[in-house]
């Protein structure tokens, strides 16, 4: 066991102590965590309409007609393929370029992985 304390991911207490093999416990809120799980929690996870995990550079297909205000065409049709997506944090968590529309932000619940 190491004598090193870890910050609790639940309550932010600085007094988390090692209670097993890479297992830590918080004395203030009794939360238990594994260091490997906490390291992966900082990673951005974006899921498509079917629950498949999306990554930067993936291609996706729009699953329903999406209205676009102020665009030359009023709707992005279902079945439109979008290549080389970029993921970000926020409401519209996919940045992409769509032929005929240009740069755009999409919500992941309206696409599926191609």
Protein backbone atom coordinates (compact mmCIF):
# COMPACT_ATOMS: atom_id res chain seq x y z
CA UNK A 1 0.00 0.00 0.00
CA UNK A 2 1.13 3.50 -0.74
CA UNK A 3 0.73 6.38 1.67
CA UNK A 4 -0.35 8.68 -1.17
CA UNK A 5 -3.81 10.26 -0.86
CA UNK A 6 -6.11 10.80 -3.85
CA UNK A 7 -8.82 13.39 -4.45
CA UNK A 8 -12.32 11.86 -4.25
CA UNK A 9 -14.12 12.04 -7.64
CA UNK A 10 -17.48 12.22 -5.85
CA UNK A 11 -17.11 14.87 -3.13
CA UNK A 12 -13.69 16.35 -4.05
CA UNK A 13 -12.26 15.54 -0.61
CA UNK A 14 -8.43 15.41 -0.70
CA UNK A 15 -8.28 12.55 1.84
CA UNK A 16 -9.01 9.47 -0.30
CA UNK A 17 -6.86 6.60 0.91
CA UNK A 18 -5.77 3.35 -0.73
CA UNK A 19 -7.88 0.42 0.44
CA UNK A 20 -6.67 -2.29 -1.91
CA UNK A 21 -4.98 -2.87 -5.26
CA UNK A 22 -5.48 0.54 -6.99
CA UNK A 23 -8.74 0.80 -5.01
CA UNK A 24 -9.38 3.99 -3.03
CA UNK A 25 -11.98 5.00 -0.42
CA UNK A 26 -13.11 8.44 0.71
CA UNK A 27 -13.40 8.81 4.51
CA UNK A 28 -15.89 11.69 4.18
CA UNK A 29 -18.51 10.26 1.78
CA UNK A 30 -17.52 6.53 1.74
CA UNK A 31 -17.23 6.57 -2.07
CA UNK A 32 -14.96 3.82 -3.46
CA UNK A 33 -13.19 4.05 -6.81
CA UNK A 34 -10.48 2.51 -8.92
CA UNK A 35 -7.75 4.76 -10.36
CA UNK A 36 -8.13 3.23 -13.84
CA UNK A 37 -11.89 4.00 -13.86
CA UNK A 38 -11.30 7.63 -12.88
CA UNK A 39 -8.66 8.08 -15.60
CA UNK A 40 -11.14 6.86 -18.26
CA UNK A 41 -13.95 9.06 -16.90
CA UNK A 42 -12.27 12.23 -18.18
CA UNK A 43 -12.51 10.94 -21.76
CA UNK A 44 -15.36 12.36 -23.89
CA UNK A 45 -17.91 9.62 -24.68
CA UNK A 46 -20.46 10.30 -27.43
CA UNK A 47 -23.05 7.67 -28.38
CA UNK A 48 -25.14 7.56 -31.56
CA UNK A 49 -28.89 6.86 -31.82
CA UNK A 50 -28.23 3.10 -31.50
CA UNK A 51 -25.85 3.40 -28.54
CA UNK A 52 -22.66 2.82 -30.57
CA UNK A 53 -19.67 4.85 -29.44
CA UNK A 54 -18.51 7.54 -31.87
CA UNK A 55 -14.93 8.71 -32.35
CA UNK A 56 -13.24 11.59 -34.16
CA UNK A 57 -12.96 10.83 -37.90
CA UNK A 58 -15.94 8.44 -38.02
CA UNK A 59 -18.58 8.59 -40.73
CA UNK A 60 -22.23 8.80 -39.68
CA UNK A 61 -25.65 8.71 -41.37
CA UNK A 62 -28.49 11.07 -40.41
CA UNK A 63 -31.48 9.01 -39.18
CA UNK A 64 -34.27 11.60 -39.55
CA UNK A 65 -34.97 14.76 -41.53
CA UNK A 66 -33.41 17.71 -39.70
CA UNK A 67 -34.68 21.26 -40.31
CA UNK A 68 -31.95 23.89 -40.77
CA UNK A 69 -32.77 27.56 -40.29
CA UNK A 70 -31.20 29.97 -42.78
CA UNK A 71 -29.67 27.26 -45.01
CA UNK A 72 -30.01 27.11 -48.82
CA UNK A 73 -31.96 23.86 -48.41
CA UNK A 74 -34.51 23.78 -45.58
CA UNK A 75 -33.85 20.16 -44.49
CA UNK A 76 -31.00 17.67 -44.12
CA UNK A 77 -32.62 14.48 -45.41
CA UNK A 78 -32.53 11.19 -43.52
CA UNK A 79 -29.86 8.94 -45.02
CA UNK A 80 -27.38 11.77 -45.63
CA UNK A 81 -23.85 10.48 -45.01
CA UNK A 82 -21.46 12.73 -43.09
CA UNK A 83 -17.72 11.92 -43.19
CA UNK A 84 -14.88 12.82 -40.86
CA UNK A 85 -16.80 14.06 -37.82
CA UNK A 86 -15.20 15.85 -34.86
CA UNK A 87 -16.58 15.36 -31.36
CA UNK A 88 -16.91 18.13 -28.80
CA UNK A 89 -18.59 18.83 -25.50
CA UNK A 90 -21.98 20.52 -25.57
CA UNK A 91 -25.53 20.23 -26.83
CA UNK A 92 -24.59 19.77 -30.50
CA UNK A 93 -21.71 17.39 -29.84
CA UNK A 94 -20.69 16.63 -33.45
CA UNK A 95 -18.93 19.18 -35.67
CA UNK A 96 -18.90 18.33 -39.37
CA UNK A 97 -19.17 19.59 -42.94
CA UNK A 98 -22.19 18.50 -44.97
CA UNK A 99 -22.21 18.82 -48.76
CA UNK A 100 -24.64 21.57 -49.75
CA UNK A 101 -24.81 22.95 -46.18
CA UNK A 102 -21.25 23.62 -45.07
CA UNK A 103 -19.96 23.52 -41.48
CA UNK A 104 -22.58 22.42 -39.00
CA UNK A 105 -23.17 21.07 -35.51
CA UNK A 106 -25.31 17.94 -35.07
CA UNK A 107 -26.73 16.17 -32.05
CA UNK A 108 -25.51 12.58 -31.72
CA UNK A 109 -29.03 11.22 -31.08
CA UNK A 110 -29.95 12.01 -34.71
CA UNK A 111 -27.13 10.03 -36.35
CA UNK A 112 -25.96 6.43 -36.51
CA UNK A 113 -22.47 5.14 -37.14
CA UNK A 114 -21.89 4.26 -40.81
